[in-house]
Protein backbone atom coordinates (compact mmCIF):
# COMPACT_ATOMS: atom_id res chain seq x y z
CA UNK A 1 54.44 5.11 -22.82
CA UNK A 2 51.77 7.59 -21.80
CA UNK A 3 49.29 4.74 -21.35
CA UNK A 4 51.73 2.92 -19.04
CA UNK A 5 52.22 6.08 -16.95
CA UNK A 6 48.46 6.50 -16.65
CA UNK A 7 48.02 2.89 -15.60
CA UNK A 8 50.83 3.29 -13.07
CA UNK A 9 49.22 6.42 -11.66
CA UNK A 10 45.87 4.66 -11.38
CA UNK A 11 47.54 1.74 -9.61
CA UNK A 12 49.32 4.08 -7.19
CA UNK A 13 46.12 6.01 -6.46
CA UNK A 14 44.17 2.80 -5.81
CA UNK A 15 47.00 1.51 -3.61
CA UNK A 16 47.07 4.74 -1.62
CA UNK A 17 43.28 4.63 -1.30
CA UNK A 18 43.34 1.04 -0.09
CA UNK A 19 46.12 1.86 2.39
CA UNK A 20 44.10 4.79 3.67
CA UNK A 21 40.99 2.65 4.12
CA UNK A 22 42.95 -0.10 5.86
CA UNK A 23 44.57 2.37 8.23
CA UNK A 24 41.30 4.13 8.99
CA UNK A 25 39.21 1.02 9.57
CA UNK A 26 41.73 -1.44 10.99
CA UNK A 27 40.21 -1.30 14.46
CA UNK A 28 36.51 -1.56 13.50
CA UNK A 29 34.18 -3.35 11.12
CA UNK A 30 33.08 -0.39 8.98
CA UNK A 31 33.82 0.44 5.36
CA UNK A 32 32.73 3.87 4.12
CA UNK A 33 31.57 3.85 0.48
CA UNK A 34 33.09 7.30 -0.05
CA UNK A 35 36.50 5.87 0.69
CA UNK A 36 36.07 3.81 -2.44
CA UNK A 37 35.13 6.79 -4.56
CA UNK A 38 31.36 7.12 -4.16
CA UNK A 39 30.25 10.74 -4.43
CA UNK A 40 26.67 10.73 -3.16
CA UNK A 41 25.93 13.94 -5.05
CA UNK A 42 23.03 12.59 -7.12
CA UNK A 43 24.94 13.25 -10.36
CA UNK A 44 27.92 10.91 -10.51
CA UNK A 45 27.25 7.21 -11.13
CA UNK A 46 28.25 5.52 -7.87
CA UNK A 47 27.52 1.92 -8.91
CA UNK A 48 31.14 0.85 -9.54
CA UNK A 49 32.48 2.50 -6.40
CA UNK A 50 29.85 0.84 -4.22
CA UNK A 51 30.42 -2.59 -5.76
CA UNK A 52 34.15 -2.10 -5.13
CA UNK A 53 33.31 -1.26 -1.53
CA UNK A 54 31.33 -4.52 -1.20
CA UNK A 55 34.39 -6.40 -2.45
CA UNK A 56 36.47 -4.35 -0.02
CA UNK A 57 34.44 -5.76 2.87
CA UNK A 58 35.76 -9.21 2.00
CA UNK A 59 39.31 -8.04 1.31
CA UNK A 60 39.50 -6.12 4.58
CA UNK A 61 37.60 -8.69 6.64
CA UNK A 62 34.92 -6.16 7.55
CA UNK A 63 31.15 -6.54 7.84
CA UNK A 64 29.52 -3.07 7.68
CA UNK A 65 29.17 -0.93 4.57
CA UNK A 66 28.35 2.64 5.60
CA UNK A 67 26.65 5.25 3.41
CA UNK A 68 27.02 8.83 4.68
CA UNK A 69 24.19 11.21 3.93
CA UNK A 70 23.76 11.91 0.23
CA UNK A 71 21.98 10.80 -2.93
CA UNK A 72 23.74 7.87 -4.62
CA UNK A 73 22.96 7.35 -8.30
CA UNK A 74 22.77 3.66 -9.24
CA UNK A 75 22.90 2.45 -12.86
CA UNK A 76 23.92 -1.17 -12.23
CA UNK A 77 22.92 -3.51 -9.41
CA UNK A 78 24.89 -3.53 -6.16
CA UNK A 79 25.64 -7.24 -5.79
CA UNK A 80 25.86 -8.40 -2.19
CA UNK A 81 28.11 -11.30 -1.25
CA UNK A 82 30.56 -12.20 1.48
CA UNK A 83 30.23 -13.21 5.11
CA UNK A 84 28.10 -11.08 7.43
CA UNK A 85 26.96 -7.96 5.55
CA UNK A 86 25.39 -4.84 7.04
CA UNK A 87 24.28 -2.03 4.73
CA UNK A 88 23.82 1.05 6.92
CA UNK A 89 22.92 4.66 6.14
CA UNK A 90 22.72 7.73 8.35
CA UNK A 91 18.92 7.75 8.02
CA UNK A 92 16.30 6.78 5.48
CA UNK A 93 15.60 10.47 4.87
CA UNK A 94 19.21 11.58 4.34
CA UNK A 95 20.83 8.54 2.65
CA UNK A 96 19.13 7.81 -0.69
CA UNK A 97 19.94 5.14 -3.26
CA UNK A 98 18.32 6.19 -6.52
CA UNK A 99 17.90 4.18 -9.74
CA UNK A 100 16.25 5.48 -12.91
CA UNK A 101 17.16 2.49 -15.06
CA UNK A 102 15.94 -1.10 -15.25
CA UNK A 103 18.12 -2.44 -12.45
CA UNK A 104 17.61 -3.78 -8.95
CA UNK A 105 19.40 -1.51 -6.49
CA UNK A 106 20.54 -4.21 -4.03
CA UNK A 107 20.50 -7.94 -4.82
CA UNK A 108 21.94 -11.05 -3.20
CA UNK A 109 23.55 -12.81 -6.14
CA UNK A 110 26.58 -14.34 -4.42
CA UNK A 111 27.06 -16.54 -1.38
CA UNK A 112 26.49 -14.91 2.01
CA UNK A 113 27.87 -17.07 4.81
CA UNK A 114 26.40 -15.38 7.86
CA UNK A 115 23.60 -12.79 7.75
CA UNK A 116 22.33 -9.75 5.87
CA UNK A 117 21.19 -6.49 7.47
CA UNK A 118 19.92 -3.43 5.58
CA UNK A 119 19.11 -0.41 7.73
CA UNK A 120 18.52 3.37 7.51
CA UNK A 121 18.45 3.63 3.70
CA UNK A 122 16.02 5.46 1.42
CA UNK A 123 15.30 3.80 -1.93
CA UNK A 124 13.97 5.70 -4.93
CA UNK A 125 13.22 3.39 -7.87
CA UNK A 126 11.77 4.58 -11.17
CA UNK A 127 11.43 1.38 -13.14
CA UNK A 128 8.71 -1.03 -14.20
CA UNK A 129 11.00 -4.08 -14.24
CA UNK A 130 13.11 -3.96 -11.10
CA UNK A 131 13.10 -3.90 -7.31
CA UNK A 132 14.79 -1.84 -4.63
CA UNK A 133 15.91 -5.02 -2.83
CA UNK A 134 15.92 -8.55 -4.26
CA UNK A 135 16.67 -11.38 -1.81
CA UNK A 136 17.33 -14.86 -3.22
CA UNK A 137 16.84 -17.75 -0.82
CA UNK A 138 19.12 -19.96 -2.90
CA UNK A 139 21.98 -17.67 -1.83
CA UNK A 140 21.11 -17.00 1.82
CA UNK A 141 19.45 -20.34 2.60
CA UNK A 142 18.38 -20.17 6.29
CA UNK A 143 20.73 -17.36 7.31
CA UNK A 144 18.82 -14.43 8.83
CA UNK A 145 17.96 -11.30 6.89
CA UNK A 146 16.83 -8.06 8.54
CA UNK A 147 15.51 -5.02 6.65
CA UNK A 148 14.51 -2.16 8.93
CA UNK A 149 14.14 1.62 9.20
CA UNK A 150 14.15 2.08 5.41
CA UNK A 151 11.95 4.20 3.12
CA UNK A 152 10.88 2.95 -0.31
CA UNK A 153 9.42 5.34 -2.84
CA UNK A 154 8.16 5.26 -6.38
CA UNK A 155 8.78 1.65 -7.48
CA UNK A 156 6.46 0.71 -10.33
CA UNK A 157 7.05 -3.03 -9.85
CA UNK A 158 8.35 -4.24 -6.46
CA UNK A 159 10.05 -2.59 -3.52
CA UNK A 160 11.20 -5.80 -1.82
CA UNK A 161 11.15 -9.05 -3.80
CA UNK A 162 11.72 -12.26 -1.82
CA UNK A 163 12.50 -15.27 -4.03
CA UNK A 164 12.60 -18.47 -1.98
CA UNK A 165 13.87 -16.47 0.99
CA UNK A 166 13.79 -17.90 4.49
CA UNK A 167 14.17 -16.43 7.97
CA UNK A 168 13.54 -12.81 6.94
CA UNK A 169 12.37 -9.93 9.15
CA UNK A 170 11.07 -6.73 7.54
CA UNK A 171 10.33 -4.17 10.23
CA UNK A 172 9.60 -0.47 10.71
CA UNK A 173 9.87 0.56 7.05
CA UNK A 174 7.73 2.86 4.89
CA UNK A 175 6.63 1.76 1.42
CA UNK A 176 5.18 4.71 -0.43
CA UNK A 177 3.68 5.02 -3.90
CA UNK A 178 2.65 8.09 -5.83
CA UNK A 179 -1.06 7.28 -5.73
CA UNK A 180 -1.17 6.18 -9.36
CA UNK A 181 -2.02 2.50 -8.94
CA UNK A 182 1.55 1.23 -9.31
CA UNK A 183 4.07 -0.70 -7.22
CA UNK A 184 3.96 -3.56 -4.70
CA UNK A 185 5.41 -3.16 -1.22
CA UNK A 186 6.62 -6.76 -0.76
CA UNK A 187 6.27 -9.78 -3.04
CA UNK A 188 6.96 -13.37 -1.96
CA UNK A 189 7.45 -16.19 -4.45
CA UNK A 190 9.10 -19.61 -4.90
CA UNK A 191 8.76 -21.13 -1.42
CA UNK A 192 9.48 -18.35 1.06
CA UNK A 193 9.39 -19.55 4.67
CA UNK A 194 9.52 -17.92 8.10
CA UNK A 195 8.86 -14.38 6.92
CA UNK A 196 8.04 -11.75 9.56
CA UNK A 197 6.61 -8.44 8.36
CA UNK A 198 5.80 -6.08 11.22
CA UNK A 199 5.41 -2.41 12.15
CA UNK A 200 5.61 -1.14 8.56
CA UNK A 201 3.56 1.42 6.61
CA UNK A 202 2.29 0.66 3.09
CA UNK A 203 0.94 3.82 1.48
CA UNK A 204 -0.72 4.55 -1.89
CA UNK A 205 0.62 1.50 -3.73
CA UNK A 206 -0.96 -0.95 -6.16
CA UNK A 207 -0.58 -3.73 -3.58
CA UNK A 208 0.74 -3.90 -0.05
CA UNK A 209 1.85 -7.54 0.18
CA UNK A 210 1.49 -10.07 -2.65
CA UNK A 211 2.21 -13.75 -1.92
CA UNK A 212 2.40 -15.82 -5.11
CA UNK A 213 1.86 -19.57 -4.89
CA UNK A 214 0.65 -20.17 -8.42
CA UNK A 215 0.65 -18.18 -11.65
CA UNK A 216 -2.00 -18.97 -14.31
CA UNK A 217 -0.51 -20.55 -17.44
CA UNK A 218 2.93 -20.68 -15.78
CA UNK A 219 4.69 -23.86 -16.92
CA UNK A 220 6.74 -24.42 -13.77
CA UNK A 221 4.99 -25.44 -10.54
CA UNK A 222 5.87 -22.91 -7.82
CA UNK A 223 6.81 -23.97 -4.32
CA UNK A 224 4.29 -22.86 -1.68
CA UNK A 225 5.11 -19.98 0.65
CA UNK A 226 4.49 -20.76 4.29
CA UNK A 227 4.81 -19.46 7.86
CA UNK A 228 4.13 -15.80 7.12
CA UNK A 229 3.56 -13.38 10.01
CA UNK A 230 2.08 -9.96 9.21
CA UNK A 231 1.51 -7.89 12.34
CA UNK A 232 1.11 -4.30 13.53
CA UNK A 233 1.31 -2.82 10.04
CA UNK A 234 -0.60 0.12 8.57
CA UNK A 235 -1.84 -0.27 4.98
CA UNK A 236 -3.65 2.54 3.14
CA UNK A 237 -4.14 2.29 -0.64
CA UNK A 238 -6.32 5.43 -0.71
CA UNK A 239 -8.56 4.33 -3.58
CA UNK A 240 -10.93 7.31 -3.41
CA UNK A 241 -8.19 9.84 -2.54
CA UNK A 242 -5.97 9.24 -5.58
CA UNK A 243 -4.81 12.28 -7.57
CA UNK A 244 -6.80 13.20 -10.68
CA UNK A 245 -5.51 12.63 -14.20
CA UNK A 246 -8.34 14.74 -15.68
CA UNK A 247 -10.85 17.16 -14.21
CA UNK A 248 -13.63 19.53 -15.18
CA UNK A 249 -15.76 22.20 -13.54
CA UNK A 250 -18.23 24.89 -14.59
CA UNK A 251 -21.69 25.55 -15.92
CA UNK A 252 -21.14 23.54 -19.12
CA UNK A 253 -20.94 20.30 -17.12
CA UNK A 254 -24.28 18.50 -16.77
CA UNK A 255 -25.02 15.47 -14.59
CA UNK A 256 -27.80 12.92 -14.40
CA UNK A 257 -28.19 10.21 -11.79
CA UNK A 258 -25.69 8.06 -13.71
CA UNK A 259 -23.82 10.26 -16.19
CA UNK A 260 -21.51 13.23 -16.77
CA UNK A 261 -21.68 15.33 -19.92
CA UNK A 262 -18.77 17.72 -20.56
CA UNK A 263 -18.77 19.20 -24.10
CA UNK A 264 -15.18 20.38 -23.71
CA UNK A 265 -13.77 16.99 -22.66
CA UNK A 266 -12.27 14.06 -24.49
CA UNK A 267 -12.93 10.88 -22.54
CA UNK A 268 -11.66 8.43 -25.17
CA UNK A 269 -8.57 7.50 -23.14
CA UNK A 270 -10.59 6.31 -20.15
CA UNK A 271 -10.90 2.73 -18.97
CA UNK A 272 -13.91 0.93 -17.62
CA UNK A 273 -13.68 0.79 -13.84
CA UNK A 274 -11.89 4.14 -13.67
CA UNK A 275 -13.14 5.99 -10.62
CA UNK A 276 -14.70 9.43 -10.72
CA UNK A 277 -14.72 11.73 -7.71
CA UNK A 278 -17.29 14.54 -7.74
CA UNK A 279 -16.96 17.22 -5.06
CA UNK A 280 -20.20 18.60 -3.65
CA UNK A 281 -19.42 22.07 -2.24
CA UNK A 282 -20.48 22.44 1.40
CA UNK A 283 -18.62 25.34 2.99
CA UNK A 284 -15.81 27.83 2.37
CA UNK A 285 -14.00 30.38 4.48
CA UNK A 286 -10.62 31.43 5.88
CA UNK A 287 -8.37 29.54 8.26
CA UNK A 288 -8.38 30.58 11.91
CA UNK A 289 -6.01 27.87 13.12
CA UNK A 290 -4.68 24.49 11.97
CA UNK A 291 -2.72 21.66 13.52
CA UNK A 292 -1.37 18.31 12.41
CA UNK A 293 -4.72 16.70 13.20
CA UNK A 294 -7.24 19.54 13.55
CA UNK A 295 -8.74 22.57 11.80
CA UNK A 296 -10.47 25.62 13.32
CA UNK A 297 -12.62 28.37 11.83
CA UNK A 298 -14.11 30.60 14.52
CA UNK A 299 -16.48 32.27 12.07
CA UNK A 300 -18.60 29.29 11.03
CA UNK A 301 -20.74 26.53 12.54
CA UNK A 302 -19.60 23.13 11.28
CA UNK A 303 -22.46 21.38 13.07
CA UNK A 304 -25.28 23.34 11.43
CA UNK A 305 -23.43 23.10 8.09
CA UNK A 306 -23.79 19.30 8.36
CA UNK A 307 -20.07 18.63 7.98
CA UNK A 308 -19.40 14.90 8.50
CA UNK A 309 -16.75 12.26 8.70
CA UNK A 310 -15.42 11.54 5.21
CA UNK A 311 -15.78 15.11 3.90
CA UNK A 312 -12.71 16.68 2.28
CA UNK A 313 -11.07 19.99 3.16
CA UNK A 314 -8.69 21.70 0.72
CA UNK A 315 -6.37 24.65 1.32
CA UNK A 316 -4.25 25.56 -1.70
CA UNK A 317 -2.50 22.40 -2.87
CA UNK A 318 -3.04 20.60 0.44
CA UNK A 319 -5.98 18.54 1.62
CA UNK A 320 -7.20 16.37 4.49
CA UNK A 321 -10.10 14.04 5.21
CA UNK A 322 -12.35 15.03 8.08
CA UNK A 323 -12.47 12.43 10.83
CA UNK A 324 -15.02 14.06 13.14
CA UNK A 325 -16.64 17.33 14.20
CA UNK A 326 -15.46 18.25 17.71
CA UNK A 327 -17.67 21.35 18.11
CA UNK A 328 -19.16 24.05 15.92
CA UNK A 329 -15.73 25.61 15.19
CA UNK A 330 -13.32 22.65 15.28
CA UNK A 331 -12.75 19.61 13.08
CA UNK A 332 -10.48 16.64 13.65
CA UNK A 333 -8.74 15.46 10.48
CA UNK A 334 -6.71 12.41 9.44
CA UNK A 335 -3.58 14.23 8.21
CA UNK A 336 -2.48 16.86 5.68
CA UNK A 337 -1.28 15.60 2.30
CA UNK A 338 -0.42 17.12 -1.07
CA UNK A 339 -3.19 16.71 -3.66
CA UNK A 340 -0.75 15.88 -6.48
CA UNK A 341 1.11 12.88 -4.99
CA UNK A 342 -0.41 12.26 -1.52
CA UNK A 343 2.89 12.96 0.24
CA UNK A 344 2.61 14.05 3.85
CA UNK A 345 2.98 17.78 4.33
CA UNK A 346 3.12 20.32 7.11
CA UNK A 347 -0.10 21.95 8.22
CA UNK A 348 -1.23 24.96 6.20
CA UNK A 349 -1.00 28.05 8.40
CA UNK A 350 -3.27 30.39 6.48
CA UNK A 351 -5.41 30.85 3.40
CA UNK A 352 -8.91 30.20 2.16
CA UNK A 353 -10.43 26.72 2.36
CA UNK A 354 -13.20 24.69 0.78
CA UNK A 355 -14.99 21.74 2.35
CA UNK A 356 -16.67 19.28 -0.02
CA UNK A 357 -18.54 16.00 0.18
CA UNK A 358 -16.96 13.22 -1.85
CA UNK A 359 -19.32 11.62 -4.34
CA UNK A 360 -17.96 8.52 -6.07
CA UNK A 361 -18.85 6.79 -9.33
CA UNK A 362 -17.31 3.99 -11.39
CA UNK A 363 -17.13 4.19 -15.19
CA UNK A 364 -19.53 1.80 -16.91
CA UNK A 365 -19.18 3.18 -20.42
CA UNK A 366 -18.05 6.37 -22.16
CA UNK A 367 -17.88 8.35 -25.38
CA UNK A 368 -15.90 11.45 -26.30
CA UNK A 369 -17.91 13.87 -24.14
CA UNK A 370 -20.02 11.63 -21.92
CA UNK A 371 -19.39 9.12 -19.14
CA UNK A 372 -21.94 6.59 -17.90
CA UNK A 373 -21.39 5.40 -14.32
CA UNK A 374 -23.11 2.62 -12.43
CA UNK A 375 -24.31 5.14 -9.88
CA UNK A 376 -23.14 8.13 -7.81
CA UNK A 377 -22.97 7.58 -4.05
CA UNK A 378 -21.59 9.35 -0.99
CA UNK A 379 -19.47 8.13 1.92
CA UNK A 380 -22.55 6.65 3.59
CA UNK A 381 -23.80 4.73 0.57
CA UNK A 382 -26.59 7.16 -0.30
CA UNK A 383 -27.24 7.79 -3.97
CA UNK A 384 -26.62 11.38 -5.03
CA UNK A 385 -27.27 13.15 -8.32
CA UNK A 386 -24.58 15.84 -8.71
CA UNK A 387 -25.64 19.33 -9.71
CA UNK A 388 -24.60 21.24 -12.81
CA UNK A 389 -21.15 22.73 -12.53
CA UNK A 390 -19.77 20.66 -9.66
CA UNK A 391 -16.10 19.73 -9.98
CA UNK A 392 -15.40 16.19 -11.19
CA UNK A 393 -12.02 14.44 -11.07
CA UNK A 394 -11.16 11.27 -13.00
CA UNK A 395 -8.66 9.46 -10.81
CA UNK A 396 -5.50 7.59 -11.70
CA UNK A 397 -5.95 3.80 -12.03
CA UNK A 398 -7.27 2.24 -8.87
CA UNK A 399 -5.10 0.10 -6.57
CA UNK A 400 -5.55 -3.62 -5.95
CA UNK A 401 -5.20 -5.74 -2.78
CA UNK A 402 -3.68 -4.52 0.49
CA UNK A 403 -2.84 -8.17 1.40
CA UNK A 404 -3.26 -10.99 -1.12
CA UNK A 405 -2.12 -14.61 -0.96
CA UNK A 406 -2.86 -16.74 -4.01
CA UNK A 407 -3.58 -20.46 -3.98
CA UNK A 408 -0.95 -22.95 -2.77
CA UNK A 409 0.26 -21.00 0.28
CA UNK A 410 -0.26 -21.82 3.96
CA UNK A 411 0.17 -20.89 7.63
CA UNK A 412 -0.48 -17.17 7.89
CA UNK A 413 -0.73 -15.06 11.02
CA UNK A 414 -2.31 -11.67 10.30
CA UNK A 415 -2.87 -9.76 13.50
CA UNK A 416 -3.31 -6.23 14.88
CA UNK A 417 -2.99 -4.44 11.54
CA UNK A 418 -4.91 -1.51 10.07
CA UNK A 419 -6.11 -1.96 6.48
CA UNK A 420 -7.67 1.09 4.84
CA UNK A 421 -9.06 2.06 1.46
CA UNK A 422 -8.13 -0.96 -0.63
CA UNK A 423 -9.93 -1.26 -3.96
CA UNK A 424 -10.00 -5.07 -4.08
CA UNK A 425 -10.49 -7.35 -1.07
CA UNK A 426 -8.51 -5.91 1.80
CA UNK A 427 -7.36 -9.28 3.19
CA UNK A 428 -7.64 -12.09 0.63
CA UNK A 429 -6.42 -15.61 1.41
CA UNK A 430 -6.63 -18.47 -1.07
CA UNK A 431 -4.72 -21.15 0.78
CA UNK A 432 -4.67 -22.96 4.10
CA UNK A 433 -4.53 -22.16 7.81
CA UNK A 434 -4.79 -18.38 8.10
CA UNK A 435 -5.23 -16.92 11.60
CA UNK A 436 -6.63 -13.40 11.29
CA UNK A 437 -7.14 -11.58 14.61
CA UNK A 438 -7.43 -8.08 16.03
CA UNK A 439 -7.35 -6.17 12.74
CA UNK A 440 -9.20 -2.96 11.83
CA UNK A 441 -10.38 -3.11 8.22
CA UNK A 442 -12.17 -0.08 6.79
CA UNK A 443 -13.29 2.04 3.84
CA UNK A 444 -12.64 -0.52 1.10
CA UNK A 445 -14.47 -0.75 -2.20
CA UNK A 446 -14.90 -4.54 -2.09
CA UNK A 447 -14.64 -7.28 0.55
CA UNK A 448 -13.22 -6.75 4.01
CA UNK A 449 -11.95 -10.35 4.27
CA UNK A 450 -12.13 -13.04 1.58
CA UNK A 451 -11.32 -16.64 2.44
CA UNK A 452 -10.84 -19.52 0.04
CA UNK A 453 -9.11 -22.81 0.84
CA UNK A 454 -9.51 -24.31 4.30
CA UNK A 455 -8.63 -24.23 7.98
CA UNK A 456 -8.96 -20.49 8.65
CA UNK A 457 -9.71 -18.77 11.95
CA UNK A 458 -10.99 -15.18 11.88
CA UNK A 459 -11.59 -13.78 15.36
CA UNK A 460 -11.83 -10.39 17.06
CA UNK A 461 -11.61 -8.17 13.97
CA UNK A 462 -13.51 -4.96 13.26
CA UNK A 463 -14.69 -4.61 9.63
CA UNK A 464 -16.14 -1.19 8.88
CA UNK A 465 -17.46 0.54 5.78
CA UNK A 466 -16.89 -2.12 3.11
CA UNK A 467 -19.02 -3.34 0.23
CA UNK A 468 -19.11 -6.82 1.79
CA UNK A 469 -17.85 -7.57 5.28
CA UNK A 470 -16.78 -11.20 4.98
CA UNK A 471 -16.82 -13.58 2.00
CA UNK A 472 -16.18 -17.20 2.99
CA UNK A 473 -15.94 -19.72 0.18
CA UNK A 474 -13.82 -22.20 2.12
CA UNK A 475 -13.91 -25.26 4.34
CA UNK A 476 -13.43 -26.01 8.06
CA UNK A 477 -13.12 -22.34 9.00
CA UNK A 478 -14.30 -20.13 11.88
CA UNK A 479 -15.62 -16.55 11.89
CA UNK A 480 -16.12 -15.58 15.53
CA UNK A 481 -16.29 -12.51 17.81
CA UNK A 482 -15.98 -10.00 14.98
CA UNK A 483 -17.79 -6.71 14.33
CA UNK A 484 -19.15 -5.94 10.84
CA UNK A 485 -20.43 -2.37 10.63
CA UNK A 486 -21.72 0.01 7.93
CA UNK A 487 -21.06 -2.27 4.98
CA UNK A 488 -22.57 -2.21 1.47
CA UNK A 489 -21.70 1.48 0.98
CA UNK A 490 -19.79 1.04 -2.32
CA UNK A 491 -22.18 -1.40 -3.97
CA UNK A 492 -22.64 -1.38 -7.74
CA UNK A 493 -26.04 -2.80 -8.51
CA UNK A 494 -24.78 -5.08 -11.24
CA UNK A 495 -22.74 -7.02 -8.69
CA UNK A 496 -24.55 -9.90 -6.98
CA UNK A 497 -24.75 -10.94 -4.27
CA UNK A 498 -24.47 -7.70 -2.31
CA UNK A 499 -24.17 -8.97 1.23
CA UNK A 500 -22.30 -8.07 4.36
CA UNK A 501 -21.97 -11.82 4.94
CA UNK A 502 -21.52 -14.50 2.28
CA UNK A 503 -20.78 -18.11 3.24
CA UNK A 504 -20.51 -21.36 1.34
CA UNK A 505 -18.40 -24.52 1.61
CA UNK A 506 -18.26 -27.23 4.26
CA UNK A 507 -18.06 -27.08 8.05
CA UNK A 508 -17.82 -23.30 8.42
CA UNK A 509 -18.87 -21.84 11.77
CA UNK A 510 -20.11 -18.25 12.20
CA UNK A 511 -20.77 -17.33 15.83
CA UNK A 512 -20.82 -14.53 18.41
CA UNK A 513 -20.36 -11.77 15.84
CA UNK A 514 -22.01 -8.34 15.82
CA UNK A 515 -23.50 -6.97 12.59
CA UNK A 516 -24.58 -3.31 12.67
CA UNK A 517 -26.06 -0.87 10.14
CA UNK A 518 -25.24 -2.97 7.11
CA UNK A 519 -28.28 -2.17 4.96
CA UNK A 520 -28.48 0.96 2.82
CA UNK A 521 -32.01 2.32 3.23
CA UNK A 522 -34.28 2.39 0.21
CA UNK A 523 -32.40 -0.24 -1.80
CA UNK A 524 -32.89 -4.02 -2.00
CA UNK A 525 -29.83 -5.44 -0.29
CA UNK A 526 -29.12 -8.99 0.74
CA UNK A 527 -28.72 -9.25 4.49
CA UNK A 528 -26.77 -12.50 4.38
CA UNK A 529 -26.18 -15.22 1.84
CA UNK A 530 -25.69 -18.79 2.97
CA UNK A 531 -25.14 -21.11 0.04
CA UNK A 532 -25.43 -24.86 0.43
CA UNK A 533 -24.83 -26.75 -2.79
CA UNK A 534 -24.53 -30.44 -3.44
CA UNK A 535 -21.89 -31.89 -1.16
CA UNK A 536 -21.65 -28.78 1.03
CA UNK A 537 -22.63 -29.48 4.63
CA UNK A 538 -22.07 -28.19 8.11
CA UNK A 539 -22.51 -24.42 7.71
CA UNK A 540 -23.74 -23.05 11.03
CA UNK A 541 -24.65 -19.56 12.25
CA UNK A 542 -25.28 -19.04 15.95
CA UNK A 543 -25.43 -16.36 18.66
CA UNK A 544 -24.81 -13.41 16.36
CA UNK A 545 -26.23 -9.93 17.01
CA UNK A 546 -27.84 -8.01 14.15
CA UNK A 547 -28.74 -4.31 14.23
CA UNK A 548 -29.12 -3.46 10.58
CA UNK A 549 -31.51 -0.51 10.38
CA UNK A 550 -30.01 2.84 9.42
């Protein structure tokens, strides 16, 4: 009897709730998730209430699901289906969908008859096997999808996963990692088509965009992805700015030109290719004034102290890279970030500061107390032997590619983007018909642009401060009107060839480019490598300008 009364009460409550929702929303297209019981307090599990609200869209003939400000805990996937669906929050900073379990937060797993829009939502995913948003092309077919004004944070696997999706626009979002070599901003697989990715920021991730056309040892042949536009985006994987997982400082620490000895350390958990950042102390003092993009100390002379672009300033738990020296008392900086997770922060108003030169090394081998590196080098490619006692920091695992398309993909337009501090090749295409124009590519550990496949056109780009500027191992491709400047800085001497320009294949044309300051003085570097093997013909180099003396 009691059970029947409880069921009756539940039925009456749900009926009253539905009546309330119908009355409130009869004259518009909006359903509020809180009207279906979602709390948004970060404690209660809101999954069931939100899925009920999605169903309510269909029942009520509505199209917009609204999330008021709050933190919505998700333990099971919100499954999107219906006609036209709009998922809208107040803002990406105030409306947060958070999942700590192995679930996708939003996924299209039912038929959508019109279109899908996701806007003004923050996603916080802490899982190695799920995505914030999963879009299945088999469900949407050619119906348009728009994802805009959203923030994605912390995903260890994917933030947006497009599976056979078509006619998708991803615009004005922020994809942010924790600087620990994890998470992909956007992954495309299984025949995606007509994908537009523009005006986004990809920060401190493992990869920015990963386009999968073939997986080694995968039994099923994947459909090629095609017609991908990537424009006006900012990608920074911050490979030499990552937070440290281990550090040491003091008189017990001894360096040679290629080693660190720390008797109090235990290096057995390291990996080969871990990066080591050594900080050479340059200057210290007290803050006179700071801004979002500048720093002033009226009591010192930055010019005579030889402070340069690429040096690091730290104040408490905040830091910034120096962009330039304006005058003897003022520095321009990139931006202030927290050391621990690279999140943006407000300017520090006061306190003592230290300015250091970043010296990098890559682990070659190690024992319990000693690390062997390939070499130590500064921001300008000069070899440096650190002095006893300098602070060293072993960084979290390095990132991968800012933009990577595997074999069996085609028709890319990559224009007017900024690619910074990728560990692997910053723009890597292994497919057909990529048009790459107007991009600024800088501060990477490996190649600026790598081209495999055929039919590529690379024009009007600026490639600065890479190990190798351009690597062309393709056919019927053009490299024209580009600038390649200050490359070979991150060279490891075991890697050959070390060249700012490497070309092989058939019918590749390199013309009207400018190459400047691409040889590190005092070391045997390869100015350019042109490889013609059996059957490879038609490589031509003409009308290029070379100014390669530092």
